[in-house]
Amino acid sequence: TTSAVNIAWQAANEGIPTLLWDLDPQGAASWLLQRKSKSKAEAKKLLSGKTPIGELVKSTDYPSLDIIPADFSFRQMDLDLAKAGDK
């Protein structure tokens, strides 16, 4: 997680617009960048298109670096994506 945050920061610091999606249920990247999810994202609603992903993006204190903060519903996103691929 620390490496992902540092790489994202470096890219943003070079002027590259960067979005970091914290899929870690522990939310370490969100903690490091001091951002929390303000609502339950509900991964299934996101994957079904009922929640636009743009609603989840939060700015950080660093120019060009945004984050989608961790949400407990993302903990099984890999399984939800696999199920969506089977359809």
C-alpha atoms as a PDB file:
ATOM      1  CA  THR A   1       0.000   0.000   0.000  1.00  0.00           C
ATOM      2  CA  THR A   2       2.746   2.432   0.893  1.00  0.00           C
ATOM      3  CA  SER A   3       4.425   1.761  -2.442  1.00  0.00           C
ATOM      4  CA  ALA A   4       1.157   2.359  -4.333  1.00  0.00           C
ATOM      5  CA  VAL A   5       0.603   5.659  -2.528  1.00  0.00           C
ATOM      6  CA  ASN A   6       4.186   6.770  -3.166  1.00  0.00           C
ATOM      7  CA  ILE A   7       4.021   5.854  -6.865  1.00  0.00           C
ATOM      8  CA  ALA A   8       0.686   7.677  -7.206  1.00  0.00           C
ATOM      9  CA  TRP A   9       2.107  10.722  -5.443  1.00  0.00           C
ATOM     10  CA  GLN A  10       5.208  10.705  -7.654  1.00  0.00           C
ATOM     11  CA  ALA A  11       3.091  10.562 -10.813  1.00  0.00           C
ATOM     12  CA  ALA A  12       0.882  13.392  -9.547  1.00  0.00           C
ATOM     13  CA  ASN A  13       3.962  15.376  -8.528  1.00  0.00           C
ATOM     14  CA  GLU A  14       5.181  15.077 -12.139  1.00  0.00           C
ATOM     15  CA  GLY A  15       1.888  16.652 -13.261  1.00  0.00           C
ATOM     16  CA  ILE A  16       0.159  13.428 -14.322  1.00  0.00           C
ATOM     17  CA  PRO A  17      -3.473  13.389 -13.152  1.00  0.00           C
ATOM     18  CA  THR A  18      -3.625  10.304 -10.928  1.00  0.00           C
ATOM     19  CA  LEU A  19      -6.484   8.362  -9.389  1.00  0.00           C
ATOM     20  CA  LEU A  20      -5.696   5.811  -6.671  1.00  0.00           C
ATOM     21  CA  TRP A  21      -8.460   3.330  -5.834  1.00  0.00           C
ATOM     22  CA  ASP A  22      -8.047   1.878  -2.347  1.00  0.00           C
ATOM     23  CA  LEU A  23      -9.385  -1.670  -2.593  1.00  0.00           C
ATOM     24  CA  ASP A  24      -7.714  -2.752   0.644  1.00  0.00           C
ATOM     25  CA  PRO A  25     -10.423  -3.523   3.251  1.00  0.00           C
ATOM     26  CA  GLN A  26      -8.113  -2.062   5.905  1.00  0.00           C
ATOM     27  CA  GLY A  27      -8.076   1.256   4.044  1.00  0.00           C
ATOM     28  CA  ALA A  28      -4.395   2.052   4.545  1.00  0.00           C
ATOM     29  CA  ALA A  29      -4.075   4.238   1.427  1.00  0.00           C
ATOM     30  CA  SER A  30      -7.179   6.180   2.457  1.00  0.00           C
ATOM     31  CA  TRP A  31      -5.679   6.624   5.914  1.00  0.00           C
ATOM     32  CA  LEU A  32      -2.329   7.774   4.524  1.00  0.00           C
ATOM     33  CA  LEU A  33      -4.055  10.349   2.303  1.00  0.00           C
ATOM     34  CA  GLN A  34      -6.507  11.271   5.093  1.00  0.00           C
ATOM     35  CA  ARG A  35      -9.692  10.543   3.155  1.00  0.00           C
ATOM     36  CA  LYS A  36     -12.673   8.463   4.189  1.00  0.00           C
ATOM     37  CA  SER A  37     -15.611   7.237   2.192  1.00  0.00           C
ATOM     38  CA  LYS A  38     -18.541   9.525   2.981  1.00  0.00           C
ATOM     39  CA  SER A  39     -21.170   6.975   2.024  1.00  0.00           C
ATOM     40  CA  LYS A  40     -21.466   3.267   1.555  1.00  0.00           C
ATOM     41  CA  ALA A  41     -20.244   2.660  -1.963  1.00  0.00           C
ATOM     42  CA  GLU A  42     -21.776  -0.811  -2.206  1.00  0.00           C
ATOM     43  CA  ALA A  43     -19.630  -2.562  -4.756  1.00  0.00           C
ATOM     44  CA  LYS A  44     -22.584  -4.363  -6.361  1.00  0.00           C
ATOM     45  CA  LYS A  45     -24.305  -1.049  -7.145  1.00  0.00           C
ATOM     46  CA  LEU A  46     -21.062   0.267  -8.577  1.00  0.00           C
ATOM     47  CA  LEU A  47     -20.561  -2.772 -10.806  1.00  0.00           C
ATOM     48  CA  SER A  48     -24.185  -2.744 -11.967  1.00  0.00           C
ATOM     49  CA  GLY A  49     -23.923   0.918 -12.991  1.00  0.00           C
ATOM     50  CA  LYS A  50     -26.387   2.135 -10.364  1.00  0.00           C
ATOM     51  CA  THR A  51     -23.675   4.215  -8.683  1.00  0.00           C
ATOM     52  CA  PRO A  52     -21.492   6.298 -11.024  1.00  0.00           C
ATOM     53  CA  ILE A  53     -17.844   5.793 -10.110  1.00  0.00           C
ATOM     54  CA  GLY A  54     -17.242   9.530 -10.288  1.00  0.00           C
ATOM     55  CA  GLU A  55     -19.367   9.989  -7.172  1.00  0.00           C
ATOM     56  CA  LEU A  56     -16.756   8.079  -5.173  1.00  0.00           C
ATOM     57  CA  VAL A  57     -13.718  10.168  -6.186  1.00  0.00           C
ATOM     58  CA  LYS A  58     -12.324  12.456  -3.477  1.00  0.00           C
ATOM     59  CA  SER A  59      -9.597  15.027  -3.892  1.00  0.00           C
ATOM     60  CA  THR A  60      -6.508  14.895  -1.684  1.00  0.00           C
ATOM     61  CA  ASP A  61      -4.223  17.582  -0.336  1.00  0.00           C
ATOM     62  CA  TYR A  62      -1.888  16.917  -3.276  1.00  0.00           C
ATOM     63  CA  PRO A  63      -2.466  18.532  -6.690  1.00  0.00           C
ATOM     64  CA  SER A  64      -3.342  16.039  -9.443  1.00  0.00           C
ATOM     65  CA  LEU A  65      -3.870  13.184  -6.936  1.00  0.00           C
ATOM     66  CA  ASP A  66      -7.382  11.910  -6.254  1.00  0.00           C
ATOM     67  CA  ILE A  67      -8.527   8.799  -4.413  1.00  0.00           C
ATOM     68  CA  ILE A  68     -11.489   6.484  -4.257  1.00  0.00           C
ATOM     69  CA  PRO A  69     -11.367   5.757  -0.536  1.00  0.00           C
ATOM     70  CA  ALA A  70     -11.644   2.254   0.872  1.00  0.00           C
ATOM     71  CA  ASP A  71     -15.112   0.924   1.519  1.00  0.00           C
ATOM     72  CA  PHE A  72     -15.796  -2.331   3.325  1.00  0.00           C
ATOM     73  CA  SER A  73     -18.037  -3.473   0.462  1.00  0.00           C
ATOM     74  CA  PHE A  74     -14.952  -3.574  -1.803  1.00  0.00           C
ATOM     75  CA  ARG A  75     -13.473  -6.465   0.213  1.00  0.00           C
ATOM     76  CA  GLN A  76     -14.834  -9.031  -2.252  1.00  0.00           C
ATOM     77  CA  MET A  77     -14.645  -6.938  -5.403  1.00  0.00           C
ATOM     78  CA  ASP A  78     -12.539  -9.603  -7.116  1.00  0.00           C
ATOM     79  CA  LEU A  79     -15.343 -12.157  -6.652  1.00  0.00           C
ATOM     80  CA  ASP A  80     -17.985  -9.689  -7.845  1.00  0.00           C
ATOM     81  CA  LEU A  81     -15.917  -8.921 -10.952  1.00  0.00           C
ATOM     82  CA  ALA A  82     -15.503 -12.636 -11.672  1.00  0.00           C
ATOM     83  CA  LYS A  83     -19.274 -13.148 -11.420  1.00  0.00           C
ATOM     84  CA  ALA A  84     -19.905 -10.180 -13.709  1.00  0.00           C
ATOM     85  CA  GLY A  85     -17.526 -11.682 -16.276  1.00  0.00           C
ATOM     86  CA  ASP A  86     -19.504 -14.926 -16.329  1.00  0.00           C
ATOM     87  CA  LYS A  87     -22.666 -13.188 -17.555  1.00  0.00           C
END
